[in-house]
PDB file of N, CA and C in Angstrom:
ATOM      1  N   UNK A   1     -15.180   4.714   1.442  1.00  0.00           N
ATOM      2  CA  UNK A   1     -13.910   5.105   2.058  1.00  0.00           C
ATOM      3  C   UNK A   1     -14.386   4.639   3.903  1.00  0.00           C
ATOM      4  N   UNK A   2     -13.491   4.124   3.699  1.00  0.00           N
ATOM      5  CA  UNK A   2     -13.320   4.198   5.683  1.00  0.00           C
ATOM      6  C   UNK A   2     -12.162   4.575   6.207  1.00  0.00           C
ATOM      7  N   UNK A   3     -11.918   5.252   6.933  1.00  0.00           N
ATOM      8  CA  UNK A   3     -10.486   5.760   7.681  1.00  0.00           C
ATOM      9  C   UNK A   3     -10.779   5.447   9.136  1.00  0.00           C
ATOM     10  N   UNK A   4      -9.502   4.288   9.716  1.00  0.00           N
ATOM     11  CA  UNK A   4      -9.591   4.735  10.742  1.00  0.00           C
ATOM     12  C   UNK A   4      -8.019   4.954  11.205  1.00  0.00           C
ATOM     13  N   UNK A   5      -7.898   6.512  11.605  1.00  0.00           N
ATOM     14  CA  UNK A   5      -6.347   7.095  11.885  1.00  0.00           C
ATOM     15  C   UNK A   5      -5.968   6.858  12.992  1.00  0.00           C
ATOM     16  N   UNK A   6      -5.317   6.421  13.297  1.00  0.00           N
ATOM     17  CA  UNK A   6      -4.288   6.963  14.745  1.00  0.00           C
ATOM     18  C   UNK A   6      -3.196   7.428  14.498  1.00  0.00           C
ATOM     19  N   UNK A   7      -2.754   8.216  15.535  1.00  0.00           N
ATOM     20  CA  UNK A   7      -1.430   9.410  15.740  1.00  0.00           C
ATOM     21  C   UNK A   7      -0.101   8.325  15.223  1.00  0.00           C
ATOM     22  N   UNK A   8       0.285   8.538  13.833  1.00  0.00           N
ATOM     23  CA  UNK A   8       1.526   8.190  13.955  1.00  0.00           C
ATOM     24  C   UNK A   8       2.319   9.065  13.771  1.00  0.00           C
ATOM     25  N   UNK A   9       3.451   8.697  13.445  1.00  0.00           N
ATOM     26  CA  UNK A   9       4.737  10.162  12.991  1.00  0.00           C
ATOM     27  C   UNK A   9       5.661   9.325  12.151  1.00  0.00           C
ATOM     28  N   UNK A  10       5.563   9.509  10.758  1.00  0.00           N
ATOM     29  CA  UNK A  10       6.200   9.565   9.499  1.00  0.00           C
ATOM     30  C   UNK A  10       6.743  11.072   9.040  1.00  0.00           C
ATOM     31  N   UNK A  11       7.382  11.558  10.468  1.00  0.00           N
ATOM     32  CA  UNK A  11       8.644  12.726   9.886  1.00  0.00           C
ATOM     33  C   UNK A  11       9.500  12.575   9.027  1.00  0.00           C
ATOM     34  N   UNK A  12      10.064  10.764   9.435  1.00  0.00           N
ATOM     35  CA  UNK A  12      11.472  10.583   8.422  1.00  0.00           C
ATOM     36  C   UNK A  12      11.406  10.481   7.133  1.00  0.00           C
ATOM     37  N   UNK A  13       9.791  10.717   6.657  1.00  0.00           N
ATOM     38  CA  UNK A  13       9.739  10.288   5.607  1.00  0.00           C
ATOM     39  C   UNK A  13       9.260  11.764   4.732  1.00  0.00           C
ATOM     40  N   UNK A  14      10.326  11.846   3.246  1.00  0.00           N
ATOM     41  CA  UNK A  14       9.480  12.965   3.162  1.00  0.00           C
ATOM     42  C   UNK A  14       8.497  13.174   1.987  1.00  0.00           C
ATOM     43  N   UNK A  15       8.283  14.506   2.094  1.00  0.00           N
ATOM     44  CA  UNK A  15       6.567  14.850   1.578  1.00  0.00           C
ATOM     45  C   UNK A  15       6.206  14.094   0.421  1.00  0.00           C
ATOM     46  N   UNK A  16       7.183  14.187  -0.535  1.00  0.00           N
ATOM     47  CA  UNK A  16       7.572  13.567  -1.903  1.00  0.00           C
ATOM     48  C   UNK A  16       7.471  11.902  -1.794  1.00  0.00           C
ATOM     49  N   UNK A  17       8.090  11.374  -1.075  1.00  0.00           N
ATOM     50  CA  UNK A  17       7.733  10.152  -0.741  1.00  0.00           C
ATOM     51  C   UNK A  17       6.591   9.473  -0.175  1.00  0.00           C
ATOM     52  N   UNK A  18       6.119  10.629   0.582  1.00  0.00           N
ATOM     53  CA  UNK A  18       4.947   9.845   1.569  1.00  0.00           C
ATOM     54  C   UNK A  18       3.943  10.016   0.007  1.00  0.00           C
ATOM     55  N   UNK A  19       3.505  11.049  -0.424  1.00  0.00           N
ATOM     56  CA  UNK A  19       2.981  11.044  -2.129  1.00  0.00           C
ATOM     57  C   UNK A  19       3.121   9.636  -3.173  1.00  0.00           C
ATOM     58  N   UNK A  20       4.311   9.528  -2.932  1.00  0.00           N
ATOM     59  CA  UNK A  20       4.523   8.142  -3.504  1.00  0.00           C
ATOM     60  C   UNK A  20       3.815   7.417  -3.185  1.00  0.00           C
ATOM     61  N   UNK A  21       4.323   6.911  -1.635  1.00  0.00           N
ATOM     62  CA  UNK A  21       3.366   5.787  -1.174  1.00  0.00           C
ATOM     63  C   UNK A  21       1.927   5.765  -1.228  1.00  0.00           C
ATOM     64  N   UNK A  22       1.243   6.874  -0.758  1.00  0.00           N
ATOM     65  CA  UNK A  22       0.135   6.903  -0.488  1.00  0.00           C
ATOM     66  C   UNK A  22      -0.862   7.475  -1.851  1.00  0.00           C
ATOM     67  N   UNK A  23      -0.162   7.990  -2.599  1.00  0.00           N
ATOM     68  CA  UNK A  23      -0.970   8.107  -4.011  1.00  0.00           C
ATOM     69  C   UNK A  23      -1.257   6.894  -4.797  1.00  0.00           C
ATOM     70  N   UNK A  24      -0.313   6.314  -4.843  1.00  0.00           N
ATOM     71  CA  UNK A  24      -0.003   4.617  -5.637  1.00  0.00           C
ATOM     72  C   UNK A  24      -0.878   3.998  -5.340  1.00  0.00           C
ATOM     73  N   UNK A  25      -0.783   3.621  -3.573  1.00  0.00           N
ATOM     74  CA  UNK A  25      -1.935   2.576  -2.867  1.00  0.00           C
ATOM     75  C   UNK A  25      -3.228   2.972  -3.047  1.00  0.00           C
ATOM     76  N   UNK A  26      -3.405   4.427  -3.163  1.00  0.00           N
ATOM     77  CA  UNK A  26      -4.933   4.889  -3.079  1.00  0.00           C
ATOM     78  C   UNK A  26      -5.506   4.341  -4.850  1.00  0.00           C
ATOM     79  N   UNK A  27      -4.627   5.089  -5.368  1.00  0.00           N
ATOM     80  CA  UNK A  27      -4.852   4.590  -7.109  1.00  0.00           C
ATOM     81  C   UNK A  27      -5.134   3.545  -7.976  1.00  0.00           C
ATOM     82  N   UNK A  28      -4.013   2.797  -7.056  1.00  0.00           N
ATOM     83  CA  UNK A  28      -4.483   1.215  -7.745  1.00  0.00           C
ATOM     84  C   UNK A  28      -5.275   0.591  -6.246  1.00  0.00           C
ATOM     85  N   UNK A  29      -6.231   1.152  -4.932  1.00  0.00           N
ATOM     86  CA  UNK A  29      -7.062   0.574  -4.979  1.00  0.00           C
ATOM     87  C   UNK A  29      -8.492   1.117  -5.159  1.00  0.00           C
ATOM     88  N   UNK A  30      -8.203   2.071  -5.810  1.00  0.00           N
ATOM     89  CA  UNK A  30      -9.449   2.961  -6.997  1.00  0.00           C
ATOM     90  C   UNK A  30      -9.652   1.789  -7.684  1.00  0.00           C
ATOM     91  N   UNK A  31      -8.556   1.793  -8.644  1.00  0.00           N
ATOM     92  CA  UNK A  31      -9.072   1.016  -9.723  1.00  0.00           C
ATOM     93  C   UNK A  31      -9.409  -0.361  -9.809  1.00  0.00           C
ATOM     94  N   UNK A  32      -9.120  -1.088  -8.358  1.00  0.00           N
ATOM     95  CA  UNK A  32      -9.248  -2.610  -8.436  1.00  0.00           C
ATOM     96  C   UNK A  32     -10.885  -2.321  -7.980  1.00  0.00           C
ATOM     97  N   UNK A  33     -11.097  -1.666  -7.173  1.00  0.00           N
ATOM     98  CA  UNK A  33     -12.632  -1.085  -6.538  1.00  0.00           C
ATOM     99  C   UNK A  33     -13.368  -0.950  -7.971  1.00  0.00           C
ATOM    100  N   UNK A  34     -12.902  -0.106  -9.279  1.00  0.00           N
ATOM    101  CA  UNK A  34     -14.001   0.002 -10.136  1.00  0.00           C
ATOM    102  C   UNK A  34     -14.353  -1.136 -10.403  1.00  0.00           C
ATOM    103  N   UNK A  35     -13.853  -2.122 -10.631  1.00  0.00           N
ATOM    104  CA  UNK A  35     -14.181  -3.442 -11.109  1.00  0.00           C
ATOM    105  C   UNK A  35     -14.747  -4.421 -10.319  1.00  0.00           C
ATOM    106  N   UNK A  36     -15.471  -4.181  -9.295  1.00  0.00           N
ATOM    107  CA  UNK A  36     -16.345  -4.757  -8.484  1.00  0.00           C
ATOM    108  C   UNK A  36     -17.246  -4.357  -7.859  1.00  0.00           C
ATOM    109  N   UNK A  37     -18.154  -5.038  -7.753  1.00  0.00           N
ATOM    110  CA  UNK A  37     -19.964  -4.546  -7.258  1.00  0.00           C
ATOM    111  C   UNK A  37     -20.280  -4.002  -6.056  1.00  0.00           C
ATOM    112  N   UNK A  38     -19.374  -4.859  -5.181  1.00  0.00           N
ATOM    113  CA  UNK A  38     -19.085  -4.215  -3.553  1.00  0.00           C
ATOM    114  C   UNK A  38     -17.571  -3.300  -3.474  1.00  0.00           C
ATOM    115  N   UNK A  39     -17.945  -1.844  -3.465  1.00  0.00           N
ATOM    116  CA  UNK A  39     -16.475  -1.025  -3.460  1.00  0.00           C
ATOM    117  C   UNK A  39     -16.496  -0.396  -2.200  1.00  0.00           C
ATOM    118  N   UNK A  40     -14.982  -1.199  -2.172  1.00  0.00           N
ATOM    119  CA  UNK A  40     -14.565  -0.399  -0.855  1.00  0.00           C
ATOM    120  C   UNK A  40     -13.146  -0.402  -0.344  1.00  0.00           C
ATOM    121  N   UNK A  41     -12.449   0.449   0.393  1.00  0.00           N
ATOM    122  CA  UNK A  41     -11.558   0.980   0.224  1.00  0.00           C
ATOM    123  C   UNK A  41     -11.411   1.168   1.686  1.00  0.00           C
ATOM    124  N   UNK A  42     -10.470   0.723   2.998  1.00  0.00           N
ATOM    125  CA  UNK A  42     -10.633   0.892   4.068  1.00  0.00           C
ATOM    126  C   UNK A  42      -8.987   1.532   4.670  1.00  0.00           C
ATOM    127  N   UNK A  43      -8.310   2.398   5.108  1.00  0.00           N
ATOM    128  CA  UNK A  43      -7.333   3.175   5.099  1.00  0.00           C
ATOM    129  C   UNK A  43      -6.884   2.977   6.858  1.00  0.00           C
ATOM    130  N   UNK A  44      -5.896   2.307   7.528  1.00  0.00           N
ATOM    131  CA  UNK A  44      -5.714   2.263   9.096  1.00  0.00           C
ATOM    132  C   UNK A  44      -4.363   2.719   9.052  1.00  0.00           C
ATOM    133  N   UNK A  45      -3.818   3.142  10.168  1.00  0.00           N
ATOM    134  CA  UNK A  45      -2.834   3.961  10.737  1.00  0.00           C
ATOM    135  C   UNK A  45      -2.690   3.658  12.350  1.00  0.00           C
ATOM    136  N   UNK A  46      -1.689   2.984  12.699  1.00  0.00           N
ATOM    137  CA  UNK A  46      -1.680   2.686  13.983  1.00  0.00           C
ATOM    138  C   UNK A  46      -0.308   2.239  14.314  1.00  0.00           C
ATOM    139  N   UNK A  47       0.011   3.099  15.748  1.00  0.00           N
ATOM    140  CA  UNK A  47       1.272   2.571  16.262  1.00  0.00           C
ATOM    141  C   UNK A  47       1.184   1.713  16.821  1.00  0.00           C
ATOM    142  N   UNK A  48       2.364   0.519  16.559  1.00  0.00           N
ATOM    143  CA  UNK A  48       2.571  -0.920  17.457  1.00  0.00           C
ATOM    144  C   UNK A  48       3.929  -0.781  18.384  1.00  0.00           C
ATOM    145  N   UNK A  49       4.015  -0.973  19.439  1.00  0.00           N
ATOM    146  CA  UNK A  49       4.716  -1.315  20.428  1.00  0.00           C
ATOM    147  C   UNK A  49       5.480  -0.014  20.504  1.00  0.00           C
ATOM    148  N   UNK A  50       4.618   1.239  21.010  1.00  0.00           N
ATOM    149  CA  UNK A  50       5.985   2.552  20.524  1.00  0.00           C
ATOM    150  C   UNK A  50       6.669   2.506  19.851  1.00  0.00           C
ATOM    151  N   UNK A  51       6.880   1.775  18.962  1.00  0.00           N
ATOM    152  CA  UNK A  51       8.378   1.781  18.058  1.00  0.00           C
ATOM    153  C   UNK A  51       7.756   1.164  16.370  1.00  0.00           C
ATOM    154  N   UNK A  52       7.190   0.858  16.168  1.00  0.00           N
ATOM    155  CA  UNK A  52       6.669   0.664  14.672  1.00  0.00           C
ATOM    156  C   UNK A  52       5.378   1.388  14.725  1.00  0.00           C
ATOM    157  N   UNK A  53       5.539   1.844  12.808  1.00  0.00           N
ATOM    158  CA  UNK A  53       4.000   2.627  12.503  1.00  0.00           C
ATOM    159  C   UNK A  53       3.723   2.349  11.381  1.00  0.00           C
ATOM    160  N   UNK A  54       2.318   1.413  11.581  1.00  0.00           N
ATOM    161  CA  UNK A  54       1.686   0.869  10.217  1.00  0.00           C
ATOM    162  C   UNK A  54       0.459   1.657   9.814  1.00  0.00           C
ATOM    163  N   UNK A  55       0.531   1.321   8.332  1.00  0.00           N
ATOM    164  CA  UNK A  55      -0.472   1.674   7.621  1.00  0.00           C
ATOM    165  C   UNK A  55      -1.166   0.840   6.874  1.00  0.00           C
ATOM    166  N   UNK A  56      -2.188   0.233   6.764  1.00  0.00           N
ATOM    167  CA  UNK A  56      -2.709  -0.785   6.086  1.00  0.00           C
ATOM    168  C   UNK A  56      -4.002  -0.089   5.408  1.00  0.00           C
ATOM    169  N   UNK A  57      -3.741  -0.963   4.035  1.00  0.00           N
ATOM    170  CA  UNK A  57      -5.017  -0.678   3.511  1.00  0.00           C
ATOM    171  C   UNK A  57      -5.720  -1.937   2.531  1.00  0.00           C
ATOM    172  N   UNK A  58      -7.291  -1.700   2.744  1.00  0.00           N
ATOM    173  CA  UNK A  58      -7.675  -2.808   2.475  1.00  0.00           C
ATOM    174  C   UNK A  58      -8.947  -2.709   1.250  1.00  0.00           C
ATOM    175  N   UNK A  59      -8.672  -2.989  -0.039  1.00  0.00           N
ATOM    176  CA  UNK A  59      -9.806  -2.517  -0.957  1.00  0.00           C
ATOM    177  C   UNK A  59     -10.452  -3.998  -1.377  1.00  0.00           C
ATOM    178  N   UNK A  60     -11.908  -3.475  -1.748  1.00  0.00           N
ATOM    179  CA  UNK A  60     -12.339  -4.700  -2.549  1.00  0.00           C
ATOM    180  C   UNK A  60     -11.568  -4.915  -3.660  1.00  0.00           C
ATOM    181  N   UNK A  61     -11.486  -6.337  -4.453  1.00  0.00           N
ATOM    182  CA  UNK A  61     -10.930  -6.636  -5.250  1.00  0.00           C
ATOM    183  C   UNK A  61     -11.391  -8.201  -5.742  1.00  0.00           C
ATOM    184  N   UNK A  62     -11.948  -8.536  -7.013  1.00  0.00           N
ATOM    185  CA  UNK A  62     -12.140  -9.137  -7.220  1.00  0.00           C
ATOM    186  C   UNK A  62     -11.453 -10.601  -8.013  1.00  0.00           C
ATOM    187  N   UNK A  63     -10.079 -10.179  -8.467  1.00  0.00           N
ATOM    188  CA  UNK A  63      -9.119 -11.052  -9.116  1.00  0.00           C
ATOM    189  C   UNK A  63      -7.706 -10.318  -8.893  1.00  0.00           C
ATOM    190  N   UNK A  64      -7.023 -10.994  -9.127  1.00  0.00           N
ATOM    191  CA  UNK A  64      -5.393 -10.387  -9.308  1.00  0.00           C
ATOM    192  C   UNK A  64      -4.615 -11.365 -10.664  1.00  0.00           C
ATOM    193  N   UNK A  65      -3.457 -10.553 -10.963  1.00  0.00           N
ATOM    194  CA  UNK A  65      -2.225 -11.001 -11.965  1.00  0.00           C
ATOM    195  C   UNK A  65      -1.395 -11.346 -11.017  1.00  0.00           C
ATOM    196  N   UNK A  66      -0.590 -12.472 -11.038  1.00  0.00           N
ATOM    197  CA  UNK A  66       0.438 -12.924 -10.597  1.00  0.00           C
ATOM    198  C   UNK A  66       1.575 -13.571 -11.373  1.00  0.00           C
ATOM    199  N   UNK A  67       2.579 -13.031 -11.647  1.00  0.00           N
ATOM    200  CA  UNK A  67       3.942 -13.295 -12.369  1.00  0.00           C
ATOM    201  C   UNK A  67       4.802 -13.622 -11.990  1.00  0.00           C
ATOM    202  N   UNK A  68       5.478 -14.387 -11.717  1.00  0.00           N
ATOM    203  CA  UNK A  68       6.896 -14.847 -10.920  1.00  0.00           C
ATOM    204  C   UNK A  68       6.959 -14.363  -9.434  1.00  0.00           C
ATOM    205  N   UNK A  69       5.739 -15.150  -8.674  1.00  0.00           N
ATOM    206  CA  UNK A  69       5.258 -14.194  -7.552  1.00  0.00           C
ATOM    207  C   UNK A  69       5.185 -13.207  -7.323  1.00  0.00           C
ATOM    208  N   UNK A  70       5.062 -12.387  -8.674  1.00  0.00           N
ATOM    209  CA  UNK A  70       4.286 -10.473  -8.424  1.00  0.00           C
ATOM    210  C   UNK A  70       3.391 -10.131  -8.423  1.00  0.00           C
ATOM    211  N   UNK A  71       2.779  -9.243  -7.825  1.00  0.00           N
ATOM    212  CA  UNK A  71       1.342  -8.999  -8.720  1.00  0.00           C
ATOM    213  C   UNK A  71       1.843  -7.733  -9.419  1.00  0.00           C
ATOM    214  N   UNK A  72       0.993  -7.689 -10.481  1.00  0.00           N
ATOM    215  CA  UNK A  72       1.338  -7.148 -11.678  1.00  0.00           C
ATOM    216  C   UNK A  72       0.015  -6.575 -12.368  1.00  0.00           C
ATOM    217  N   UNK A  73      -0.145  -5.532 -12.825  1.00  0.00           N
ATOM    218  CA  UNK A  73      -1.287  -4.999 -12.913  1.00  0.00           C
ATOM    219  C   UNK A  73      -2.091  -5.446 -14.382  1.00  0.00           C
ATOM    220  N   UNK A  74      -3.662  -5.240 -13.837  1.00  0.00           N
ATOM    221  CA  UNK A  74      -4.249  -5.747 -15.023  1.00  0.00           C
ATOM    222  C   UNK A  74      -4.686  -4.831 -15.726  1.00  0.00           C
ATOM    223  N   UNK A  75      -4.019  -3.924 -15.919  1.00  0.00           N
ATOM    224  CA  UNK A  75      -4.952  -3.171 -16.610  1.00  0.00           C
ATOM    225  C   UNK A  75      -4.486  -3.091 -18.025  1.00  0.00           C
ATOM    226  N   UNK A  76      -5.357  -2.806 -19.427  1.00  0.00           N
ATOM    227  CA  UNK A  76      -5.078  -3.178 -20.599  1.00  0.00           C
ATOM    228  C   UNK A  76      -3.709  -3.101 -21.003  1.00  0.00           C
ATOM    229  N   UNK A  77      -3.746  -1.033 -20.770  1.00  0.00           N
ATOM    230  CA  UNK A  77      -2.885  -0.323 -21.527  1.00  0.00           C
ATOM    231  C   UNK A  77      -1.264  -0.574 -20.623  1.00  0.00           C
ATOM    232  N   UNK A  78      -1.067  -1.707 -20.843  1.00  0.00           N
ATOM    233  CA  UNK A  78      -0.005  -2.190 -18.802  1.00  0.00           C
ATOM    234  C   UNK A  78       1.598  -1.291 -19.379  1.00  0.00           C
ATOM    235  N   UNK A  79       1.908  -1.012 -20.598  1.00  0.00           N
ATOM    236  CA  UNK A  79       2.658  -0.266 -21.332  1.00  0.00           C
ATOM    237  C   UNK A  79       3.115   1.223 -20.144  1.00  0.00           C
ATOM    238  N   UNK A  80       1.948   2.014 -20.069  1.00  0.00           N
ATOM    239  CA  UNK A  80       1.826   3.270 -19.008  1.00  0.00           C
ATOM    240  C   UNK A  80       1.801   2.686 -17.259  1.00  0.00           C
ATOM    241  N   UNK A  81       1.353   1.539 -17.042  1.00  0.00           N
ATOM    242  CA  UNK A  81       0.754   1.092 -15.854  1.00  0.00           C
ATOM    243  C   UNK A  81       1.471  -0.075 -14.922  1.00  0.00           C
ATOM    244  N   UNK A  82       1.791  -0.062 -14.076  1.00  0.00           N
ATOM    245  CA  UNK A  82       2.099  -1.600 -13.457  1.00  0.00           C
ATOM    246  C   UNK A  82       3.641  -1.159 -12.467  1.00  0.00           C
ATOM    247  N   UNK A  83       4.058  -0.089 -12.363  1.00  0.00           N
ATOM    248  CA  UNK A  83       5.122   0.115 -11.688  1.00  0.00           C
ATOM    249  C   UNK A  83       4.794   0.818 -10.507  1.00  0.00           C
ATOM    250  N   UNK A  84       3.205   1.015  -9.878  1.00  0.00           N
ATOM    251  CA  UNK A  84       2.687   1.033  -8.546  1.00  0.00           C
ATOM    252  C   UNK A  84       3.507   1.160  -7.408  1.00  0.00           C
ATOM    253  N   UNK A  85       3.333  -0.681  -7.325  1.00  0.00           N
ATOM    254  CA  UNK A  85       3.491  -1.471  -6.309  1.00  0.00           C
ATOM    255  C   UNK A  85       5.280  -1.763  -6.585  1.00  0.00           C
ATOM    256  N   UNK A  86       5.840  -1.615  -7.238  1.00  0.00           N
ATOM    257  CA  UNK A  86       7.252  -1.195  -7.403  1.00  0.00           C
ATOM    258  C   UNK A  86       7.641   0.023  -6.683  1.00  0.00           C
ATOM    259  N   UNK A  87       7.113   1.278  -7.243  1.00  0.00           N
ATOM    260  CA  UNK A  87       7.477   2.257  -6.702  1.00  0.00           C
ATOM    261  C   UNK A  87       7.265   2.593  -5.397  1.00  0.00           C
ATOM    262  N   UNK A  88       6.040   1.745  -4.323  1.00  0.00           N
ATOM    263  CA  UNK A  88       5.592   1.928  -3.230  1.00  0.00           C
ATOM    264  C   UNK A  88       6.591   0.951  -2.838  1.00  0.00           C
ATOM    265  N   UNK A  89       7.269  -0.634  -3.025  1.00  0.00           N
ATOM    266  CA  UNK A  89       7.923  -1.298  -2.183  1.00  0.00           C
ATOM    267  C   UNK A  89       9.279  -0.336  -2.202  1.00  0.00           C
ATOM    268  N   UNK A  90       9.825   0.279  -3.457  1.00  0.00           N
ATOM    269  CA  UNK A  90      11.370   0.935  -3.360  1.00  0.00           C
ATOM    270  C   UNK A  90      10.912   1.823  -2.488  1.00  0.00           C
ATOM    271  N   UNK A  91      10.297   3.081  -2.254  1.00  0.00           N
ATOM    272  CA  UNK A  91      10.062   3.916  -1.386  1.00  0.00           C
ATOM    273  C   UNK A  91      10.180   3.225  -0.211  1.00  0.00           C
ATOM    274  N   UNK A  92       9.062   2.363   0.557  1.00  0.00           N
ATOM    275  CA  UNK A  92       9.465   1.652   1.521  1.00  0.00           C
ATOM    276  C   UNK A  92      10.840   1.297   2.133  1.00  0.00           C
ATOM    277  N   UNK A  93      11.021   0.811   1.101  1.00  0.00           N
ATOM    278  CA  UNK A  93      12.480   0.103   2.299  1.00  0.00           C
ATOM    279  C   UNK A  93      13.638   0.998   2.022  1.00  0.00           C
ATOM    280  N   UNK A  94      13.405   2.413   1.160  1.00  0.00           N
ATOM    281  CA  UNK A  94      13.995   3.154   0.906  1.00  0.00           C
ATOM    282  C   UNK A  94      14.477   3.907   2.567  1.00  0.00           C
ATOM    283  N   UNK A  95      13.175   3.925   3.179  1.00  0.00           N
ATOM    284  CA  UNK A  95      13.310   3.987   4.758  1.00  0.00           C
ATOM    285  C   UNK A  95      13.444   3.143   5.968  1.00  0.00           C
ATOM    286  N   UNK A  96      13.793   2.207   5.079  1.00  0.00           N
ATOM    287  CA  UNK A  96      13.934   1.197   6.165  1.00  0.00           C
ATOM    288  C   UNK A  96      12.862   0.323   7.295  1.00  0.00           C
ATOM    289  N   UNK A  97      11.706  -0.006   5.760  1.00  0.00           N
ATOM    290  CA  UNK A  97      10.377  -0.162   6.001  1.00  0.00           C
ATOM    291  C   UNK A  97      10.142  -1.765   5.662  1.00  0.00           C
ATOM    292  N   UNK A  98       8.958  -2.145   5.721  1.00  0.00           N
ATOM    293  CA  UNK A  98       8.726  -3.602   4.958  1.00  0.00           C
ATOM    294  C   UNK A  98       7.587  -3.439   4.593  1.00  0.00           C
ATOM    295  N   UNK A  99       7.066  -4.117   3.607  1.00  0.00           N
ATOM    296  CA  UNK A  99       6.041  -4.278   2.862  1.00  0.00           C
ATOM    297  C   UNK A  99       5.071  -5.377   2.775  1.00  0.00           C
ATOM    298  N   UNK A 100       4.063  -5.716   2.781  1.00  0.00           N
ATOM    299  CA  UNK A 100       3.519  -7.285   2.633  1.00  0.00           C
ATOM    300  C   UNK A 100       1.874  -6.975   1.657  1.00  0.00           C
ATOM    301  N   UNK A 101       2.028  -7.085   0.741  1.00  0.00           N
ATOM    302  CA  UNK A 101       1.301  -7.140  -0.440  1.00  0.00           C
ATOM    303  C   UNK A 101       0.214  -8.418  -0.440  1.00  0.00           C
ATOM    304  N   UNK A 102      -1.271  -8.344  -0.289  1.00  0.00           N
ATOM    305  CA  UNK A 102      -1.868  -9.973  -0.028  1.00  0.00           C
ATOM    306  C   UNK A 102      -2.871  -9.922  -0.587  1.00  0.00           C
ATOM    307  N   UNK A 103      -3.808 -11.507  -1.477  1.00  0.00           N
ATOM    308  CA  UNK A 103      -4.896 -10.785  -2.290  1.00  0.00           C
ATOM    309  C   UNK A 103      -5.784 -12.305  -1.136  1.00  0.00           C
ATOM    310  N   UNK A 104      -6.595 -12.082  -0.491  1.00  0.00           N
ATOM    311  CA  UNK A 104      -7.430 -12.675   0.203  1.00  0.00           C
ATOM    312  C   UNK A 104      -8.998 -13.312  -0.817  1.00  0.00           C
ATOM    313  N   UNK A 105      -9.046 -14.374  -1.657  1.00  0.00           N
ATOM    314  CA  UNK A 105      -9.638 -14.463  -2.394  1.00  0.00           C
ATOM    315  C   UNK A 105     -11.442 -14.764  -2.076  1.00  0.00           C
ATOM    316  N   UNK A 106     -11.204 -15.627  -0.500  1.00  0.00           N
ATOM    317  CA  UNK A 106     -12.319 -15.835   0.168  1.00  0.00           C
ATOM    318  C   UNK A 106     -13.170 -14.475   0.655  1.00  0.00           C
ATOM    319  N   UNK A 107     -12.344 -13.452   0.553  1.00  0.00           N
ATOM    320  CA  UNK A 107     -12.820 -12.085   0.871  1.00  0.00           C
ATOM    321  C   UNK A 107     -13.058 -11.168  -0.043  1.00  0.00           C
ATOM    322  N   UNK A 108     -12.153 -11.353  -1.272  1.00  0.00           N
ATOM    323  CA  UNK A 108     -12.040 -10.721  -2.326  1.00  0.00           C
ATOM    324  C   UNK A 108     -11.474  -9.024  -2.168  1.00  0.00           C
ATOM    325  N   UNK A 109     -10.281  -9.891  -1.033  1.00  0.00           N
ATOM    326  CA  UNK A 109      -9.887  -8.222  -0.662  1.00  0.00           C
ATOM    327  C   UNK A 109      -8.545  -8.041  -1.031  1.00  0.00           C
ATOM    328  N   UNK A 110      -7.672  -7.298  -1.142  1.00  0.00           N
ATOM    329  CA  UNK A 110      -6.320  -7.142  -1.341  1.00  0.00           C
ATOM    330  C   UNK A 110      -5.847  -6.142   0.046  1.00  0.00           C
ATOM    331  N   UNK A 111      -4.523  -6.510   0.106  1.00  0.00           N
ATOM    332  CA  UNK A 111      -4.753  -5.988   1.194  1.00  0.00           C
ATOM    333  C   UNK A 111      -2.897  -5.358   1.109  1.00  0.00           C
ATOM    334  N   UNK A 112      -2.677  -4.395   1.855  1.00  0.00           N
ATOM    335  CA  UNK A 112      -0.780  -3.809   1.613  1.00  0.00           C
ATOM    336  C   UNK A 112      -1.384  -3.261   2.847  1.00  0.00           C
ATOM    337  N   UNK A 113       0.168  -3.985   3.985  1.00  0.00           N
ATOM    338  CA  UNK A 113       0.376  -3.349   4.910  1.00  0.00           C
ATOM    339  C   UNK A 113       1.953  -2.817   5.093  1.00  0.00           C
ATOM    340  N   UNK A 114       2.249  -1.045   5.471  1.00  0.00           N
ATOM    341  CA  UNK A 114       4.020  -1.184   5.676  1.00  0.00           C
ATOM    342  C   UNK A 114       3.273  -0.802   6.804  1.00  0.00           C
ATOM    343  N   UNK A 115       5.134  -1.205   7.110  1.00  0.00           N
ATOM    344  CA  UNK A 115       5.991  -0.876   8.547  1.00  0.00           C
ATOM    345  C   UNK A 115       6.782  -0.308   8.843  1.00  0.00           C
ATOM    346  N   UNK A 116       7.190   0.494   9.484  1.00  0.00           N
ATOM    347  CA  UNK A 116       8.285   1.778   9.317  1.00  0.00           C
ATOM    348  C   UNK A 116       8.497   1.722  10.356  1.00  0.00           C
ATOM    349  N   UNK A 117      10.179   1.515  10.785  1.00  0.00           N
ATOM    350  CA  UNK A 117      10.613   1.436  12.534  1.00  0.00           C
ATOM    351  C   UNK A 117      10.779   3.351  12.465  1.00  0.00           C
ATOM    352  N   UNK A 118       9.948   3.505  14.051  1.00  0.00           N
ATOM    353  CA  UNK A 118      10.142   4.887  14.522  1.00  0.00           C
ATOM    354  C   UNK A 118      11.214   5.112  14.939  1.00  0.00           C
ATOM    355  N   UNK A 119      12.642   4.316  14.721  1.00  0.00           N
ATOM    356  CA  UNK A 119      13.969   4.910  15.362  1.00  0.00           C
ATOM    357  C   UNK A 119      14.622   4.816  14.216  1.00  0.00           C
ATOM    358  N   UNK A 120      14.101   4.565  12.548  1.00  0.00           N
ATOM    359  CA  UNK A 120      14.902   4.146  11.625  1.00  0.00           C
ATOM    360  C   UNK A 120      15.648   6.138  10.967  1.00  0.00           C
ATOM    361  N   UNK A 121      17.293   5.812  10.807  1.00  0.00           N
ATOM    362  CA  UNK A 121      17.131   7.353  10.602  1.00  0.00           C
ATOM    363  C   UNK A 121      18.251   6.759   9.246  1.00  0.00           C
ATOM    364  N   UNK A 122      17.382   7.780   8.050  1.00  0.00           N
ATOM    365  CA  UNK A 122      18.078   6.934   6.772  1.00  0.00           C
ATOM    366  C   UNK A 122      19.235   8.604   6.345  1.00  0.00           C
ATOM    367  N   UNK A 123      20.257   7.137   5.909  1.00  0.00           N
ATOM    368  CA  UNK A 123      21.786   8.445   5.892  1.00  0.00           C
ATOM    369  C   UNK A 123      21.296   8.510   4.596  1.00  0.00           C
ATOM    370  N   UNK A 124      21.803  10.155   4.826  1.00  0.00           N
ATOM    371  CA  UNK A 124      22.252  11.100   3.822  1.00  0.00           C
ATOM    372  C   UNK A 124      23.205  10.782   2.775  1.00  0.00           C
TER     373      UNK A 124
END
């Protein structure tokens, strides 16, 4: 694992929701890497233009399962898997954030990028 952590402020996100985001992303990255010969996970954080907070996770991945333009679990026991990406997306959107999932076949990597507006105030 490689970390490029720059200071960001995610105080507007509850600890439980940060756990949902990071836990699912890292779990998915480890699951994907376990099926690769060359294993790598890179986690980056950065502040962009003094307004946006970015989290980017890039992990080795040899293939993806896409159905209806959405990434789906490749786990054999799909009854208990496949909720991670949806939970991440739902949680990110709860805080006015944006998320992008992408697979780069030429590099054999899966990338997740999350953006949060530092100025966003969650309505109670």
